[in-house]
Amino acid sequence: GLYHVAILYQRREELADAVRRLLRADIPLGGASDHGVSEAIYLNDPDGNGVELYWDRPREDWPLDADGKLTMFTKRLDIEGLLALPELPQGLS
């Protein structure tokens, strides 16, 4: 069966606006992770299917080790920092 669906936002501000809408609608978040290459929010739809909302950082900001190898990780996402971004004008998110 379906494990989860993922929705990619082009800008971090768009992800922040999506999170604001979820919180205003009292939809519980299941998790929030910083993977180094991306930031992701996790929740479940009404049928219990997983939903991932995320944006990818620009490649030049991806974490690399001393040899230039990609070093993804999973850390707690700074939700407060995400929500501190300015809200986009209506119709742009």
N, C-alpha and C. Protein backbone atom coordinates (compact mmCIF):
# COMPACT_ATOMS: atom_id res chain seq x y z
N GLY A 1 0.81 -1.19 0.00
CA GLY A 1 0.00 0.00 0.00
C GLY A 1 0.85 1.25 0.00
N LEU A 2 0.19 2.35 -0.01
CA LEU A 2 0.84 3.65 0.00
C LEU A 2 1.45 3.92 1.36
N TYR A 3 2.74 4.24 1.39
CA TYR A 3 3.38 4.59 2.66
C TYR A 3 3.19 6.08 2.92
N HIS A 4 3.56 6.89 1.94
CA HIS A 4 3.32 8.33 2.08
C HIS A 4 3.42 9.02 0.73
N VAL A 5 2.89 10.22 0.69
CA VAL A 5 3.01 11.08 -0.48
C VAL A 5 3.83 12.29 -0.05
N ALA A 6 4.65 12.79 -0.97
CA ALA A 6 5.50 13.93 -0.65
C ALA A 6 5.18 15.09 -1.59
N ILE A 7 5.10 16.28 -1.02
CA ILE A 7 4.83 17.49 -1.79
C ILE A 7 6.03 18.42 -1.65
N LEU A 8 6.63 18.74 -2.78
CA LEU A 8 7.82 19.58 -2.82
C LEU A 8 7.43 21.04 -3.04
N TYR A 9 7.88 21.92 -2.15
CA TYR A 9 7.70 23.35 -2.30
C TYR A 9 8.98 23.93 -2.88
N GLN A 10 8.85 24.93 -3.73
CA GLN A 10 10.01 25.52 -4.39
C GLN A 10 10.78 26.47 -3.49
N ARG A 11 10.09 27.04 -2.50
CA ARG A 11 10.72 28.03 -1.62
C ARG A 11 10.43 27.69 -0.16
N ARG A 12 11.37 28.01 0.69
CA ARG A 12 11.20 27.78 2.13
C ARG A 12 10.00 28.55 2.66
N GLU A 13 9.77 29.76 2.15
CA GLU A 13 8.64 30.57 2.59
C GLU A 13 7.31 29.89 2.27
N GLU A 14 7.25 29.15 1.17
CA GLU A 14 6.03 28.41 0.82
C GLU A 14 5.78 27.29 1.82
N LEU A 15 6.84 26.59 2.21
CA LEU A 15 6.69 25.55 3.23
C LEU A 15 6.22 26.17 4.54
N ALA A 16 6.79 27.30 4.91
CA ALA A 16 6.38 27.98 6.14
C ALA A 16 4.90 28.34 6.09
N ASP A 17 4.43 28.85 4.96
CA ASP A 17 3.01 29.20 4.84
C ASP A 17 2.13 27.96 4.96
N ALA A 18 2.56 26.85 4.38
CA ALA A 18 1.78 25.61 4.49
C ALA A 18 1.68 25.17 5.95
N VAL A 19 2.78 25.27 6.68
CA VAL A 19 2.77 24.90 8.10
C VAL A 19 1.84 25.83 8.88
N ARG A 20 1.89 27.10 8.59
CA ARG A 20 0.98 28.05 9.27
C ARG A 20 -0.48 27.67 9.04
N ARG A 21 -0.83 27.31 7.81
CA ARG A 21 -2.21 26.93 7.51
C ARG A 21 -2.61 25.67 8.27
N LEU A 22 -1.70 24.71 8.36
CA LEU A 22 -1.99 23.48 9.12
C LEU A 22 -2.23 23.80 10.59
N LEU A 23 -1.36 24.61 11.17
CA LEU A 23 -1.48 24.95 12.58
C LEU A 23 -2.76 25.74 12.86
N ARG A 24 -3.09 26.67 11.97
CA ARG A 24 -4.33 27.45 12.14
C ARG A 24 -5.57 26.57 12.05
N ALA A 25 -5.48 25.48 11.29
CA ALA A 25 -6.60 24.55 11.15
C ALA A 25 -6.57 23.46 12.22
N ASP A 26 -5.66 23.57 13.19
CA ASP A 26 -5.51 22.59 14.27
C ASP A 26 -5.23 21.18 13.75
N ILE A 27 -4.49 21.09 12.64
CA ILE A 27 -4.08 19.79 12.11
C ILE A 27 -2.74 19.44 12.77
N PRO A 28 -2.69 18.32 13.47
CA PRO A 28 -1.46 17.98 14.19
C PRO A 28 -0.32 17.58 13.25
N LEU A 29 0.87 18.05 13.58
CA LEU A 29 2.06 17.65 12.85
C LEU A 29 2.62 16.39 13.50
N GLY A 30 3.06 15.46 12.68
CA GLY A 30 3.62 14.22 13.20
C GLY A 30 5.12 14.30 13.43
N GLY A 31 5.76 15.26 12.79
CA GLY A 31 7.19 15.41 12.94
C GLY A 31 7.71 16.53 12.06
N ALA A 32 8.95 16.92 12.32
CA ALA A 32 9.59 17.98 11.54
C ALA A 32 11.10 17.73 11.59
N SER A 33 11.70 17.54 10.42
CA SER A 33 13.12 17.17 10.36
C SER A 33 13.91 18.05 9.41
N ASP A 34 15.15 18.29 9.80
CA ASP A 34 16.14 18.94 8.94
C ASP A 34 17.08 17.83 8.49
N HIS A 35 17.14 17.58 7.18
CA HIS A 35 17.98 16.51 6.63
C HIS A 35 19.27 17.04 6.01
N GLY A 36 19.54 18.32 6.22
CA GLY A 36 20.74 18.91 5.63
C GLY A 36 20.50 19.36 4.21
N VAL A 37 19.95 18.48 3.38
CA VAL A 37 19.63 18.83 2.00
C VAL A 37 18.21 19.36 1.86
N SER A 38 17.40 19.11 2.88
CA SER A 38 15.99 19.51 2.82
C SER A 38 15.45 19.71 4.24
N GLU A 39 14.29 20.37 4.30
CA GLU A 39 13.55 20.49 5.55
C GLU A 39 12.18 19.89 5.28
N ALA A 40 11.68 19.07 6.22
CA ALA A 40 10.45 18.34 5.97
C ALA A 40 9.52 18.36 7.17
N ILE A 41 8.24 18.42 6.87
CA ILE A 41 7.16 18.34 7.86
C ILE A 41 6.39 17.07 7.55
N TYR A 42 6.02 16.33 8.59
CA TYR A 42 5.30 15.07 8.42
C TYR A 42 3.97 15.13 9.16
N LEU A 43 2.94 14.59 8.53
CA LEU A 43 1.63 14.49 9.15
C LEU A 43 0.88 13.35 8.48
N ASN A 44 -0.31 13.04 8.99
CA ASN A 44 -1.15 12.01 8.40
C ASN A 44 -2.42 12.62 7.85
N ASP A 45 -2.90 12.07 6.73
CA ASP A 45 -4.19 12.50 6.20
C ASP A 45 -5.29 11.81 7.01
N PRO A 46 -6.56 12.15 6.77
CA PRO A 46 -7.65 11.56 7.57
C PRO A 46 -7.72 10.03 7.51
N ASP A 47 -7.16 9.42 6.45
CA ASP A 47 -7.16 7.96 6.33
C ASP A 47 -5.91 7.33 6.93
N GLY A 48 -5.04 8.14 7.51
CA GLY A 48 -3.84 7.62 8.14
C GLY A 48 -2.64 7.49 7.22
N ASN A 49 -2.77 7.95 5.97
CA ASN A 49 -1.64 7.92 5.05
C ASN A 49 -0.67 9.04 5.41
N GLY A 50 0.61 8.75 5.31
CA GLY A 50 1.61 9.75 5.61
C GLY A 50 1.71 10.81 4.53
N VAL A 51 1.90 12.05 4.95
CA VAL A 51 2.09 13.18 4.04
C VAL A 51 3.37 13.89 4.46
N GLU A 52 4.23 14.13 3.50
CA GLU A 52 5.47 14.87 3.73
C GLU A 52 5.42 16.16 2.93
N LEU A 53 5.65 17.27 3.59
CA LEU A 53 5.76 18.57 2.95
C LEU A 53 7.21 19.00 3.10
N TYR A 54 7.88 19.35 2.01
CA TYR A 54 9.31 19.66 2.13
C TYR A 54 9.77 20.64 1.07
N TRP A 55 10.95 21.17 1.31
CA TRP A 55 11.65 21.97 0.30
C TRP A 55 13.11 21.54 0.33
N ASP A 56 13.75 21.59 -0.83
CA ASP A 56 15.16 21.25 -0.95
C ASP A 56 16.00 22.52 -0.87
N ARG A 57 17.04 22.46 -0.07
CA ARG A 57 17.99 23.56 -0.05
C ARG A 57 18.72 23.59 -1.40
N PRO A 58 19.24 24.75 -1.78
CA PRO A 58 20.06 24.81 -3.00
C PRO A 58 21.27 23.88 -2.85
N ARG A 59 21.67 23.23 -3.93
CA ARG A 59 22.78 22.27 -3.88
C ARG A 59 24.05 22.85 -3.25
N GLU A 60 24.29 24.13 -3.49
CA GLU A 60 25.51 24.73 -2.93
C GLU A 60 25.47 24.82 -1.41
N ASP A 61 24.31 24.61 -0.81
CA ASP A 61 24.18 24.64 0.65
C ASP A 61 24.12 23.24 1.27
N TRP A 62 24.20 22.19 0.44
CA TRP A 62 24.14 20.83 0.98
C TRP A 62 25.39 20.54 1.80
N PRO A 63 25.25 19.79 2.89
CA PRO A 63 26.41 19.48 3.74
C PRO A 63 27.34 18.46 3.09
N LEU A 64 28.61 18.82 3.02
CA LEU A 64 29.64 17.95 2.45
C LEU A 64 30.74 17.73 3.47
N ASP A 65 31.34 16.54 3.43
CA ASP A 65 32.47 16.29 4.32
C ASP A 65 33.74 16.84 3.66
N ALA A 66 34.89 16.62 4.30
CA ALA A 66 36.16 17.16 3.81
C ALA A 66 36.52 16.65 2.42
N ASP A 67 36.00 15.47 2.05
CA ASP A 67 36.27 14.89 0.73
C ASP A 67 35.23 15.30 -0.31
N GLY A 68 34.29 16.14 0.08
CA GLY A 68 33.26 16.57 -0.84
C GLY A 68 32.09 15.62 -0.97
N LYS A 69 32.04 14.63 -0.07
CA LYS A 69 30.94 13.65 -0.10
C LYS A 69 29.73 14.19 0.67
N LEU A 70 28.55 13.99 0.09
CA LEU A 70 27.32 14.43 0.73
C LEU A 70 27.13 13.74 2.07
N THR A 71 26.78 14.51 3.09
CA THR A 71 26.59 13.96 4.44
C THR A 71 25.21 14.34 4.97
N MET A 72 24.19 13.64 4.46
CA MET A 72 22.83 13.89 4.94
C MET A 72 22.72 13.46 6.40
N PHE A 73 21.74 14.03 7.09
CA PHE A 73 21.50 13.70 8.49
C PHE A 73 20.03 13.95 8.78
N THR A 74 19.62 13.62 9.98
CA THR A 74 18.27 13.95 10.43
C THR A 74 18.39 14.60 11.79
N LYS A 75 18.00 15.87 11.84
CA LYS A 75 17.99 16.64 13.08
C LYS A 75 16.61 17.26 13.25
N ARG A 76 16.34 17.71 14.46
CA ARG A 76 15.08 18.39 14.73
C ARG A 76 15.04 19.68 13.91
N LEU A 77 13.93 19.89 13.22
CA LEU A 77 13.75 21.12 12.45
C LEU A 77 13.40 22.26 13.38
N ASP A 78 14.01 23.40 13.15
CA ASP A 78 13.71 24.61 13.92
C ASP A 78 12.40 25.20 13.39
N ILE A 79 11.28 24.70 13.91
CA ILE A 79 9.95 25.17 13.47
C ILE A 79 9.80 26.66 13.75
N GLU A 80 10.28 27.11 14.90
CA GLU A 80 10.15 28.52 15.24
C GLU A 80 10.86 29.39 14.21
N GLY A 81 12.04 28.97 13.79
CA GLY A 81 12.77 29.70 12.77
C GLY A 81 12.04 29.70 11.43
N LEU A 82 11.45 28.56 11.10
CA LEU A 82 10.67 28.46 9.86
C LEU A 82 9.48 29.41 9.90
N LEU A 83 8.76 29.41 11.02
CA LEU A 83 7.57 30.25 11.13
C LEU A 83 7.90 31.73 11.29
N ALA A 84 9.15 32.05 11.59
CA ALA A 84 9.56 33.46 11.70
C ALA A 84 9.73 34.12 10.33
N LEU A 85 9.73 33.31 9.27
CA LEU A 85 9.83 33.89 7.93
C LEU A 85 8.59 34.74 7.64
N PRO A 86 8.74 35.79 6.87
CA PRO A 86 7.58 36.62 6.54
C PRO A 86 6.54 35.82 5.77
N GLU A 87 5.27 36.12 6.05
CA GLU A 87 4.20 35.46 5.31
C GLU A 87 4.17 35.97 3.88
N LEU A 88 3.89 35.07 2.96
CA LEU A 88 3.76 35.46 1.56
C LEU A 88 2.41 36.13 1.34
N PRO A 89 2.34 37.05 0.40
CA PRO A 89 1.03 37.64 0.08
C PRO A 89 0.07 36.54 -0.37
N GLN A 90 -1.20 36.69 -0.07
CA GLN A 90 -2.18 35.68 -0.46
C GLN A 90 -2.12 35.45 -1.96
N GLY A 91 -2.26 34.17 -2.32
CA GLY A 91 -2.22 33.79 -3.72
C GLY A 91 -0.84 33.42 -4.22
N LEU A 92 0.20 33.61 -3.41
CA LEU A 92 1.56 33.28 -3.82
C LEU A 92 2.08 32.03 -3.15
N SER A 93 1.29 31.40 -2.30
CA SER A 93 1.76 30.17 -1.65
C SER A 93 0.85 29.03 -1.98
